[in-house]
Amino acid sequence: MSYSTDPRAARSREAMITAARRLLVDEGPGAITHQRVAELAGVGRATVYRHWPRPDQLLLDAMGGADLPLFKNPASPVRPWLRRELRQMADELSVPAVAAMALTLARSALSDPVIADRHDESNRTITARIAAAVTLAVSAGELTTDATPLDLSALLVGPLHFRIVIQHAPVDDALLDRLLDSIGTWVT
């Protein structure tokens, strides 16, 4: 029986994916390490490495079926809700392991088609969720904007990545407010 069809290996893999998804939802991407996944899944760390030699592969597989919590279920008024979501994203990205993972995923997506597909799927999800929130704000009369969904995610999320990952600087509340102001005119 080959490794890939061994039922024990399949059960271990499923336990590890379940553990990684639980860590992702409960604690964020920075919690997904080979050690933490092994502990939660009840397997040896070498088993996790055998399935996922690189941390970015493990994170992407965990994200693949998980319903990421960011920008999910927008609520009115939208601006404070969106600000809280941006703050959560900035706080998570400020964890050095998460920032390193973001860079690794972006780099890996350039050369690995499987990682590129999953990376693109995550980007589409975030873009669609932000667009849904903005659509809610527009329909409620809270916001006027002519920004496209792709522009919205670039205007809101892109600067967070740049500030934290490239500039190695914190995101303060004033920056979050400027980002929100950049997408249109908010009615108060």
N, C-alpha and C. Protein backbone atom coordinates (compact mmCIF):
# COMPACT_ATOMS: atom_id res chain seq x y z
N MET A 1 0.86 -1.17 0.00
CA MET A 1 0.00 0.00 0.00
C MET A 1 0.90 1.24 0.00
N SER A 2 0.64 2.16 -0.89
CA SER A 2 1.47 3.37 -0.97
C SER A 2 1.10 4.34 0.14
N TYR A 3 2.03 5.23 0.42
CA TYR A 3 1.84 6.24 1.46
C TYR A 3 0.58 7.06 1.20
N SER A 4 0.36 7.43 -0.07
CA SER A 4 -0.76 8.32 -0.39
C SER A 4 -2.11 7.62 -0.26
N THR A 5 -2.15 6.28 -0.30
CA THR A 5 -3.43 5.59 -0.18
C THR A 5 -3.58 4.88 1.15
N ASP A 6 -2.59 4.97 2.03
CA ASP A 6 -2.65 4.35 3.34
C ASP A 6 -3.75 5.03 4.16
N PRO A 7 -4.74 4.28 4.62
CA PRO A 7 -5.84 4.90 5.38
C PRO A 7 -5.36 5.60 6.65
N ARG A 8 -4.30 5.07 7.28
CA ARG A 8 -3.78 5.73 8.48
C ARG A 8 -3.22 7.11 8.14
N ALA A 9 -2.52 7.19 7.01
CA ALA A 9 -1.97 8.48 6.58
C ALA A 9 -3.10 9.45 6.26
N ALA A 10 -4.15 8.94 5.64
CA ALA A 10 -5.31 9.80 5.30
C ALA A 10 -5.97 10.31 6.57
N ARG A 11 -6.12 9.44 7.58
CA ARG A 11 -6.73 9.87 8.85
C ARG A 11 -5.85 10.90 9.56
N SER A 12 -4.55 10.66 9.55
CA SER A 12 -3.62 11.62 10.17
C SER A 12 -3.69 12.97 9.46
N ARG A 13 -3.70 12.92 8.14
CA ARG A 13 -3.76 14.16 7.36
C ARG A 13 -5.04 14.93 7.68
N GLU A 14 -6.16 14.24 7.74
CA GLU A 14 -7.43 14.90 8.05
C GLU A 14 -7.40 15.49 9.46
N ALA A 15 -6.83 14.77 10.41
CA ALA A 15 -6.73 15.29 11.79
C ALA A 15 -5.87 16.55 11.81
N MET A 16 -4.80 16.55 11.04
CA MET A 16 -3.91 17.72 11.01
C MET A 16 -4.58 18.92 10.34
N ILE A 17 -5.32 18.67 9.25
CA ILE A 17 -6.04 19.77 8.59
C ILE A 17 -7.09 20.34 9.54
N THR A 18 -7.81 19.46 10.22
CA THR A 18 -8.83 19.91 11.17
C THR A 18 -8.18 20.76 12.27
N ALA A 19 -7.05 20.31 12.78
CA ALA A 19 -6.34 21.06 13.82
C ALA A 19 -5.88 22.42 13.29
N ALA A 20 -5.32 22.43 12.09
CA ALA A 20 -4.84 23.69 11.51
C ALA A 20 -5.99 24.66 11.29
N ARG A 21 -7.13 24.16 10.84
CA ARG A 21 -8.29 25.04 10.62
C ARG A 21 -8.82 25.59 11.94
N ARG A 22 -8.81 24.75 12.97
CA ARG A 22 -9.26 25.22 14.28
C ARG A 22 -8.34 26.33 14.77
N LEU A 23 -7.02 26.13 14.64
CA LEU A 23 -6.07 27.17 15.04
C LEU A 23 -6.27 28.44 14.23
N LEU A 24 -6.51 28.29 12.93
CA LEU A 24 -6.71 29.45 12.06
C LEU A 24 -7.91 30.27 12.51
N VAL A 25 -9.02 29.60 12.76
CA VAL A 25 -10.24 30.30 13.14
C VAL A 25 -10.15 30.86 14.56
N ASP A 26 -9.60 30.06 15.48
CA ASP A 26 -9.56 30.48 16.89
C ASP A 26 -8.47 31.50 17.20
N GLU A 27 -7.30 31.35 16.54
CA GLU A 27 -6.15 32.17 16.94
C GLU A 27 -5.50 32.94 15.80
N GLY A 28 -5.91 32.68 14.58
CA GLY A 28 -5.33 33.39 13.45
C GLY A 28 -4.18 32.63 12.81
N PRO A 29 -3.70 33.13 11.67
CA PRO A 29 -2.68 32.41 10.90
C PRO A 29 -1.37 32.19 11.65
N GLY A 30 -1.02 33.07 12.57
CA GLY A 30 0.24 32.93 13.29
C GLY A 30 0.29 31.70 14.18
N ALA A 31 -0.86 31.16 14.51
CA ALA A 31 -0.91 29.98 15.37
C ALA A 31 -0.62 28.69 14.61
N ILE A 32 -0.63 28.75 13.29
CA ILE A 32 -0.44 27.53 12.50
C ILE A 32 1.05 27.27 12.32
N THR A 33 1.56 26.47 13.24
CA THR A 33 2.95 26.01 13.15
C THR A 33 2.92 24.49 13.13
N HIS A 34 4.01 23.91 12.66
CA HIS A 34 4.08 22.45 12.64
C HIS A 34 3.90 21.89 14.05
N GLN A 35 4.52 22.52 15.03
CA GLN A 35 4.43 22.06 16.41
C GLN A 35 3.01 22.13 16.95
N ARG A 36 2.35 23.27 16.78
CA ARG A 36 0.98 23.44 17.32
C ARG A 36 0.01 22.49 16.64
N VAL A 37 0.13 22.32 15.33
CA VAL A 37 -0.75 21.41 14.61
C VAL A 37 -0.53 19.98 15.09
N ALA A 38 0.73 19.59 15.27
CA ALA A 38 1.04 18.24 15.74
C ALA A 38 0.42 18.00 17.12
N GLU A 39 0.57 18.97 18.02
CA GLU A 39 0.02 18.82 19.38
C GLU A 39 -1.50 18.67 19.35
N LEU A 40 -2.16 19.55 18.60
CA LEU A 40 -3.62 19.53 18.57
C LEU A 40 -4.16 18.29 17.86
N ALA A 41 -3.45 17.82 16.84
CA ALA A 41 -3.91 16.65 16.08
C ALA A 41 -3.51 15.33 16.74
N GLY A 42 -2.62 15.39 17.71
CA GLY A 42 -2.18 14.18 18.37
C GLY A 42 -1.25 13.33 17.52
N VAL A 43 -0.41 13.99 16.73
CA VAL A 43 0.57 13.29 15.90
C VAL A 43 1.95 13.88 16.19
N GLY A 44 2.97 13.21 15.70
CA GLY A 44 4.32 13.74 15.85
C GLY A 44 4.58 14.88 14.88
N ARG A 45 5.47 15.75 15.27
CA ARG A 45 5.81 16.89 14.41
C ARG A 45 6.38 16.41 13.07
N ALA A 46 7.12 15.31 13.08
CA ALA A 46 7.68 14.77 11.83
C ALA A 46 6.56 14.38 10.86
N THR A 47 5.44 13.94 11.40
CA THR A 47 4.30 13.59 10.54
C THR A 47 3.77 14.83 9.83
N VAL A 48 3.69 15.93 10.55
CA VAL A 48 3.22 17.17 9.92
C VAL A 48 4.20 17.59 8.83
N TYR A 49 5.49 17.54 9.12
CA TYR A 49 6.51 17.91 8.13
C TYR A 49 6.47 16.99 6.91
N ARG A 50 6.14 15.72 7.12
CA ARG A 50 6.09 14.78 6.00
C ARG A 50 4.98 15.19 5.01
N HIS A 51 3.88 15.67 5.53
CA HIS A 51 2.77 16.09 4.67
C HIS A 51 2.98 17.49 4.11
N TRP A 52 3.56 18.39 4.92
CA TRP A 52 3.75 19.78 4.54
C TRP A 52 5.16 20.22 4.92
N PRO A 53 6.13 20.04 4.03
CA PRO A 53 7.51 20.42 4.36
C PRO A 53 7.66 21.92 4.65
N ARG A 54 6.82 22.74 4.03
CA ARG A 54 6.94 24.19 4.22
C ARG A 54 5.69 24.72 4.94
N PRO A 55 5.87 25.70 5.82
CA PRO A 55 4.73 26.26 6.55
C PRO A 55 3.68 26.89 5.64
N ASP A 56 4.10 27.48 4.52
CA ASP A 56 3.12 28.11 3.64
C ASP A 56 2.17 27.07 3.04
N GLN A 57 2.67 25.87 2.79
CA GLN A 57 1.81 24.81 2.26
C GLN A 57 0.76 24.39 3.30
N LEU A 58 1.19 24.29 4.54
CA LEU A 58 0.28 23.94 5.62
C LEU A 58 -0.79 25.00 5.79
N LEU A 59 -0.39 26.26 5.80
CA LEU A 59 -1.36 27.35 5.95
C LEU A 59 -2.35 27.36 4.79
N LEU A 60 -1.87 27.19 3.58
CA LEU A 60 -2.79 27.20 2.43
C LEU A 60 -3.77 26.05 2.48
N ASP A 61 -3.32 24.88 2.86
CA ASP A 61 -4.26 23.76 2.96
C ASP A 61 -5.28 24.02 4.07
N ALA A 62 -4.85 24.63 5.15
CA ALA A 62 -5.79 24.97 6.23
C ALA A 62 -6.80 26.00 5.75
N MET A 63 -6.34 26.96 4.98
CA MET A 63 -7.23 28.01 4.47
C MET A 63 -8.16 27.48 3.39
N GLY A 64 -7.74 26.43 2.71
CA GLY A 64 -8.49 25.91 1.58
C GLY A 64 -9.93 25.58 1.86
N GLY A 65 -10.24 25.01 2.98
CA GLY A 65 -11.61 24.66 3.29
C GLY A 65 -12.17 25.43 4.45
N ALA A 66 -11.35 26.26 5.05
CA ALA A 66 -11.81 27.01 6.22
C ALA A 66 -12.54 28.27 5.78
N ASP A 67 -13.51 28.64 6.58
CA ASP A 67 -14.22 29.88 6.32
C ASP A 67 -13.53 30.97 7.13
N LEU A 68 -12.66 31.71 6.47
CA LEU A 68 -11.88 32.73 7.17
C LEU A 68 -12.80 33.77 7.79
N PRO A 69 -12.50 34.19 9.00
CA PRO A 69 -13.41 35.08 9.70
C PRO A 69 -13.37 36.54 9.26
N LEU A 70 -12.29 36.99 8.65
CA LEU A 70 -12.17 38.42 8.33
C LEU A 70 -13.19 38.87 7.29
N PHE A 71 -13.77 40.02 7.56
CA PHE A 71 -14.72 40.71 6.67
C PHE A 71 -15.98 39.88 6.40
N LYS A 72 -16.29 38.98 7.31
CA LYS A 72 -17.46 38.13 7.17
C LYS A 72 -18.64 38.77 7.89
N ASN A 73 -19.82 38.66 7.33
CA ASN A 73 -21.06 39.13 7.94
C ASN A 73 -21.05 40.62 8.28
N PRO A 74 -21.01 41.48 7.26
CA PRO A 74 -21.02 42.92 7.53
C PRO A 74 -22.29 43.35 8.25
N ALA A 75 -22.14 44.38 9.05
CA ALA A 75 -23.26 44.89 9.84
C ALA A 75 -23.30 46.41 9.75
N SER A 76 -24.50 46.94 9.81
CA SER A 76 -24.68 48.39 9.82
C SER A 76 -24.60 48.89 11.26
N PRO A 77 -24.05 50.05 11.48
CA PRO A 77 -23.39 50.89 10.48
C PRO A 77 -22.07 50.25 10.04
N VAL A 78 -21.80 50.37 8.75
CA VAL A 78 -20.71 49.64 8.13
C VAL A 78 -19.34 50.20 8.49
N ARG A 79 -19.21 51.52 8.55
CA ARG A 79 -17.87 52.08 8.79
C ARG A 79 -17.23 51.55 10.08
N PRO A 80 -17.90 51.59 11.24
CA PRO A 80 -17.25 51.05 12.45
C PRO A 80 -17.00 49.54 12.34
N TRP A 81 -17.90 48.82 11.70
CA TRP A 81 -17.70 47.38 11.51
C TRP A 81 -16.45 47.15 10.65
N LEU A 82 -16.35 47.88 9.54
CA LEU A 82 -15.21 47.73 8.63
C LEU A 82 -13.91 48.14 9.32
N ARG A 83 -13.96 49.17 10.14
CA ARG A 83 -12.78 49.61 10.88
C ARG A 83 -12.30 48.53 11.84
N ARG A 84 -13.25 47.85 12.53
CA ARG A 84 -12.88 46.75 13.43
C ARG A 84 -12.24 45.60 12.66
N GLU A 85 -12.77 45.31 11.49
CA GLU A 85 -12.21 44.22 10.67
C GLU A 85 -10.79 44.58 10.21
N LEU A 86 -10.60 45.82 9.79
CA LEU A 86 -9.26 46.27 9.38
C LEU A 86 -8.29 46.24 10.57
N ARG A 87 -8.76 46.63 11.74
CA ARG A 87 -7.92 46.59 12.93
C ARG A 87 -7.51 45.15 13.24
N GLN A 88 -8.47 44.23 13.14
CA GLN A 88 -8.15 42.82 13.40
C GLN A 88 -7.11 42.31 12.41
N MET A 89 -7.28 42.66 11.13
CA MET A 89 -6.33 42.24 10.12
C MET A 89 -4.95 42.82 10.41
N ALA A 90 -4.91 44.10 10.74
CA ALA A 90 -3.63 44.75 11.03
C ALA A 90 -2.96 44.12 12.25
N ASP A 91 -3.74 43.83 13.28
CA ASP A 91 -3.19 43.22 14.48
C ASP A 91 -2.63 41.83 14.20
N GLU A 92 -3.36 41.05 13.40
CA GLU A 92 -2.88 39.71 13.05
C GLU A 92 -1.61 39.79 12.20
N LEU A 93 -1.61 40.71 11.25
CA LEU A 93 -0.46 40.84 10.36
C LEU A 93 0.76 41.38 11.10
N SER A 94 0.54 42.03 12.23
CA SER A 94 1.64 42.58 13.02
C SER A 94 2.42 41.51 13.78
N VAL A 95 1.87 40.32 13.87
CA VAL A 95 2.59 39.21 14.49
C VAL A 95 3.69 38.80 13.51
N PRO A 96 4.96 38.82 13.93
CA PRO A 96 6.05 38.55 12.99
C PRO A 96 5.89 37.25 12.19
N ALA A 97 5.39 36.20 12.81
CA ALA A 97 5.22 34.93 12.08
C ALA A 97 4.18 35.07 10.98
N VAL A 98 3.14 35.86 11.22
CA VAL A 98 2.11 36.05 10.21
C VAL A 98 2.64 36.91 9.07
N ALA A 99 3.38 37.96 9.40
CA ALA A 99 3.98 38.81 8.35
C ALA A 99 4.92 37.99 7.49
N ALA A 100 5.73 37.16 8.12
CA ALA A 100 6.65 36.30 7.36
C ALA A 100 5.88 35.33 6.47
N MET A 101 4.79 34.79 7.01
CA MET A 101 3.97 33.87 6.23
C MET A 101 3.34 34.59 5.03
N ALA A 102 2.89 35.82 5.22
CA ALA A 102 2.30 36.57 4.11
C ALA A 102 3.31 36.77 2.99
N LEU A 103 4.52 37.10 3.36
CA LEU A 103 5.57 37.25 2.34
C LEU A 103 5.89 35.92 1.66
N THR A 104 5.96 34.87 2.44
CA THR A 104 6.25 33.54 1.89
C THR A 104 5.15 33.10 0.93
N LEU A 105 3.91 33.30 1.31
CA LEU A 105 2.79 32.93 0.44
C LEU A 105 2.83 33.71 -0.87
N ALA A 106 3.06 35.01 -0.77
CA ALA A 106 3.12 35.84 -1.98
C ALA A 106 4.25 35.39 -2.89
N ARG A 107 5.41 35.13 -2.30
CA ARG A 107 6.55 34.67 -3.09
C ARG A 107 6.28 33.30 -3.70
N SER A 108 5.76 32.39 -2.91
CA SER A 108 5.48 31.03 -3.40
C SER A 108 4.44 31.04 -4.50
N ALA A 109 3.49 31.95 -4.43
CA ALA A 109 2.44 32.03 -5.45
C ALA A 109 3.00 32.40 -6.82
N LEU A 110 4.17 33.01 -6.84
CA LEU A 110 4.79 33.37 -8.12
C LEU A 110 5.31 32.16 -8.88
N SER A 111 5.66 31.10 -8.16
CA SER A 111 6.28 29.96 -8.82
C SER A 111 5.53 28.64 -8.66
N ASP A 112 4.57 28.58 -7.77
CA ASP A 112 3.84 27.33 -7.52
C ASP A 112 2.38 27.53 -7.91
N PRO A 113 1.93 26.87 -8.99
CA PRO A 113 0.55 27.08 -9.47
C PRO A 113 -0.51 26.68 -8.44
N VAL A 114 -0.26 25.67 -7.63
CA VAL A 114 -1.24 25.26 -6.63
C VAL A 114 -1.38 26.35 -5.57
N ILE A 115 -0.25 26.85 -5.10
CA ILE A 115 -0.29 27.93 -4.11
C ILE A 115 -0.88 29.19 -4.75
N ALA A 116 -0.56 29.46 -5.99
CA ALA A 116 -1.12 30.63 -6.68
C ALA A 116 -2.64 30.55 -6.74
N ASP A 117 -3.18 29.36 -7.05
CA ASP A 117 -4.64 29.20 -7.10
C ASP A 117 -5.28 29.46 -5.75
N ARG A 118 -4.70 28.91 -4.71
CA ARG A 118 -5.27 29.11 -3.37
C ARG A 118 -5.10 30.55 -2.90
N HIS A 119 -3.97 31.14 -3.23
CA HIS A 119 -3.73 32.55 -2.90
C HIS A 119 -4.78 33.42 -3.60
N ASP A 120 -5.01 33.15 -4.88
CA ASP A 120 -6.01 33.90 -5.64
C ASP A 120 -7.41 33.70 -5.06
N GLU A 121 -7.71 32.48 -4.62
CA GLU A 121 -9.01 32.21 -4.02
C GLU A 121 -9.22 33.03 -2.75
N SER A 122 -8.20 33.11 -1.93
CA SER A 122 -8.29 33.92 -0.71
C SER A 122 -8.48 35.39 -1.05
N ASN A 123 -7.74 35.87 -2.05
CA ASN A 123 -7.89 37.26 -2.47
C ASN A 123 -9.29 37.53 -2.99
N ARG A 124 -9.83 36.60 -3.77
CA ARG A 124 -11.20 36.77 -4.28
C ARG A 124 -12.21 36.82 -3.14
N THR A 125 -12.01 35.98 -2.14
CA THR A 125 -12.92 35.96 -0.99
C THR A 125 -12.89 37.29 -0.25
N ILE A 126 -11.71 37.78 0.05
CA ILE A 126 -11.58 39.06 0.77
C ILE A 126 -12.18 40.19 -0.07
N THR A 127 -11.88 40.20 -1.36
CA THR A 127 -12.41 41.24 -2.25
C THR A 127 -13.94 41.20 -2.28
N ALA A 128 -14.51 40.00 -2.39
CA ALA A 128 -15.97 39.88 -2.43
C ALA A 128 -16.61 40.31 -1.11
N ARG A 129 -15.97 39.97 0.00
CA ARG A 129 -16.54 40.33 1.30
C ARG A 129 -16.48 41.84 1.53
N ILE A 130 -15.39 42.46 1.14
CA ILE A 130 -15.30 43.92 1.27
C ILE A 130 -16.32 44.58 0.36
N ALA A 131 -16.47 44.07 -0.85
CA ALA A 131 -17.46 44.62 -1.79
C ALA A 131 -18.87 44.49 -1.22
N ALA A 132 -19.17 43.36 -0.58
CA ALA A 132 -20.49 43.17 0.03
C ALA A 132 -20.73 44.18 1.14
N ALA A 133 -19.72 44.44 1.95
CA ALA A 133 -19.85 45.42 3.03
C ALA A 133 -20.09 46.82 2.47
N VAL A 134 -19.34 47.16 1.43
CA VAL A 134 -19.50 48.48 0.81
C VAL A 134 -20.86 48.60 0.14
N THR A 135 -21.31 47.55 -0.50
CA THR A 135 -22.65 47.55 -1.10
C THR A 135 -23.71 47.78 -0.03
N LEU A 136 -23.55 47.15 1.12
CA LEU A 136 -24.47 47.37 2.23
C LEU A 136 -24.44 48.84 2.67
N ALA A 137 -23.26 49.41 2.77
CA ALA A 137 -23.13 50.81 3.18
C ALA A 137 -23.77 51.74 2.17
N VAL A 138 -23.57 51.46 0.90
CA VAL A 138 -24.16 52.30 -0.15
C VAL A 138 -25.68 52.19 -0.13
N SER A 139 -26.19 50.96 -0.03
CA SER A 139 -27.65 50.78 -0.03
C SER A 139 -28.31 51.38 1.21
N ALA A 140 -27.57 51.46 2.32
CA ALA A 140 -28.10 52.06 3.55
C ALA A 140 -27.92 53.57 3.56
N GLY A 141 -27.30 54.13 2.51
CA GLY A 141 -27.09 55.57 2.46
C GLY A 141 -25.93 56.05 3.32
N GLU A 142 -25.07 55.13 3.76
CA GLU A 142 -23.93 55.49 4.60
C GLU A 142 -22.73 55.96 3.80
N LEU A 143 -22.67 55.57 2.53
CA LEU A 143 -21.47 55.79 1.73
C LEU A 143 -21.84 56.00 0.28
N THR A 144 -21.10 56.90 -0.37
CA THR A 144 -21.15 57.00 -1.83
C THR A 144 -19.74 56.73 -2.33
N THR A 145 -19.67 55.90 -3.36
CA THR A 145 -18.36 55.53 -3.91
C THR A 145 -18.53 55.07 -5.34
N ASP A 146 -17.47 55.24 -6.10
CA ASP A 146 -17.45 54.69 -7.46
C ASP A 146 -16.31 53.69 -7.60
N ALA A 147 -15.73 53.29 -6.48
CA ALA A 147 -14.61 52.35 -6.50
C ALA A 147 -15.11 50.95 -6.87
N THR A 148 -14.31 50.25 -7.67
CA THR A 148 -14.63 48.87 -8.03
C THR A 148 -14.27 47.95 -6.87
N PRO A 149 -14.82 46.73 -6.84
CA PRO A 149 -14.44 45.79 -5.77
C PRO A 149 -12.93 45.57 -5.68
N LEU A 150 -12.26 45.47 -6.82
CA LEU A 150 -10.82 45.27 -6.83
C LEU A 150 -10.10 46.48 -6.22
N ASP A 151 -10.59 47.69 -6.57
CA ASP A 151 -10.01 48.91 -5.99
C ASP A 151 -10.25 48.97 -4.48
N LEU A 152 -11.44 48.57 -4.06
CA LEU A 152 -11.77 48.63 -2.63
C LEU A 152 -10.79 47.80 -1.80
N SER A 153 -10.54 46.57 -2.22
CA SER A 153 -9.63 45.74 -1.44
C SER A 153 -8.21 46.27 -1.52
N ALA A 154 -7.82 46.82 -2.68
CA ALA A 154 -6.47 47.40 -2.79
C ALA A 154 -6.34 48.64 -1.90
N LEU A 155 -7.36 49.47 -1.85
CA LEU A 155 -7.31 50.69 -1.05
C LEU A 155 -7.34 50.41 0.45
N LEU A 156 -8.02 49.34 0.85
CA LEU A 156 -8.16 49.06 2.28
C LEU A 156 -7.11 48.08 2.80
N VAL A 157 -6.87 47.02 2.07
CA VAL A 157 -5.98 45.97 2.57
C VAL A 157 -4.54 46.19 2.14
N GLY A 158 -4.34 46.64 0.90
CA GLY A 158 -2.98 46.83 0.39
C GLY A 158 -2.11 47.69 1.28
N PRO A 159 -2.59 48.84 1.73
CA PRO A 159 -1.76 49.68 2.59
C PRO A 159 -1.40 49.04 3.94
N LEU A 160 -2.28 48.17 4.45
CA LEU A 160 -1.95 47.47 5.69
C LEU A 160 -0.73 46.58 5.49
N HIS A 161 -0.75 45.84 4.40
CA HIS A 161 0.39 44.97 4.09
C HIS A 161 1.66 45.80 3.92
N PHE A 162 1.55 46.88 3.19
CA PHE A 162 2.73 47.71 2.95
C PHE A 162 3.27 48.28 4.26
N ARG A 163 2.39 48.85 5.08
CA ARG A 163 2.83 49.48 6.32
C ARG A 163 3.50 48.47 7.25
N ILE A 164 2.88 47.31 7.40
CA ILE A 164 3.38 46.34 8.38
C ILE A 164 4.53 45.50 7.83
N VAL A 165 4.34 44.93 6.65
CA VAL A 165 5.30 43.96 6.13
C VAL A 165 6.51 44.64 5.48
N ILE A 166 6.29 45.73 4.79
CA ILE A 166 7.39 46.39 4.07
C ILE A 166 8.04 47.46 4.93
N GLN A 167 7.22 48.33 5.54
CA GLN A 167 7.78 49.41 6.34
C GLN A 167 8.09 49.00 7.78
N HIS A 168 7.60 47.87 8.20
CA HIS A 168 7.81 47.39 9.58
C HIS A 168 7.37 48.44 10.60
N ALA A 169 6.22 49.01 10.34
CA ALA A 169 5.69 50.04 11.22
C ALA A 169 4.26 49.66 11.63
N PRO A 170 3.81 50.16 12.77
CA PRO A 170 2.46 49.83 13.22
C PRO A 170 1.39 50.60 12.44
N VAL A 171 0.20 50.06 12.49
CA VAL A 171 -0.97 50.72 11.90
C VAL A 171 -1.73 51.39 13.03
N ASP A 172 -1.78 52.71 12.98
CA ASP A 172 -2.52 53.42 14.03
C ASP A 172 -3.95 53.68 13.55
N ASP A 173 -4.78 54.14 14.47
CA ASP A 173 -6.19 54.38 14.16
C ASP A 173 -6.37 55.46 13.11
N ALA A 174 -5.48 56.45 13.11
CA ALA A 174 -5.58 57.53 12.12
C ALA A 174 -5.40 56.97 10.70
N LEU A 175 -4.49 56.03 10.53
CA LEU A 175 -4.31 55.43 9.21
C LEU A 175 -5.56 54.65 8.80
N LEU A 176 -6.14 53.92 9.72
CA LEU A 176 -7.37 53.19 9.39
C LEU A 176 -8.46 54.15 8.92
N ASP A 177 -8.59 55.28 9.61
CA ASP A 177 -9.59 56.27 9.21
C ASP A 177 -9.29 56.85 7.82
N ARG A 178 -8.01 57.11 7.53
CA ARG A 178 -7.65 57.62 6.20
C ARG A 178 -7.95 56.58 5.12
N LEU A 179 -7.71 55.32 5.42
CA LEU A 179 -8.02 54.27 4.45
C LEU A 179 -9.52 54.21 4.18
N LEU A 180 -10.31 54.27 5.22
CA LEU A 180 -11.76 54.25 5.04
C LEU A 180 -12.24 55.47 4.26
N ASP A 181 -11.64 56.63 4.53
CA ASP A 181 -12.00 57.84 3.79
C ASP A 181 -11.60 57.75 2.32
N SER A 182 -10.60 56.92 2.01
CA SER A 182 -10.11 56.83 0.62
C SER A 182 -11.08 56.12 -0.31
N ILE A 183 -12.05 55.38 0.23
CA ILE A 183 -12.92 54.60 -0.66
C ILE A 183 -14.17 55.35 -1.10
N GLY A 184 -14.43 56.50 -0.50
CA GLY A 184 -15.62 57.26 -0.89
C GLY A 184 -15.99 58.27 0.18
N THR A 185 -17.20 58.79 0.09
CA THR A 185 -17.69 59.79 1.04
C THR A 185 -18.66 59.13 1.99
N TRP A 186 -18.30 59.17 3.27
CA TRP A 186 -19.14 58.58 4.31
C TRP A 186 -20.12 59.63 4.81
N VAL A 187 -21.38 59.25 4.96
CA VAL A 187 -22.42 60.13 5.47
C VAL A 187 -22.56 59.84 6.95
N THR A 188 -22.40 60.88 7.76
CA THR A 188 -22.49 60.66 9.21
C THR A 188 -23.79 61.14 9.79
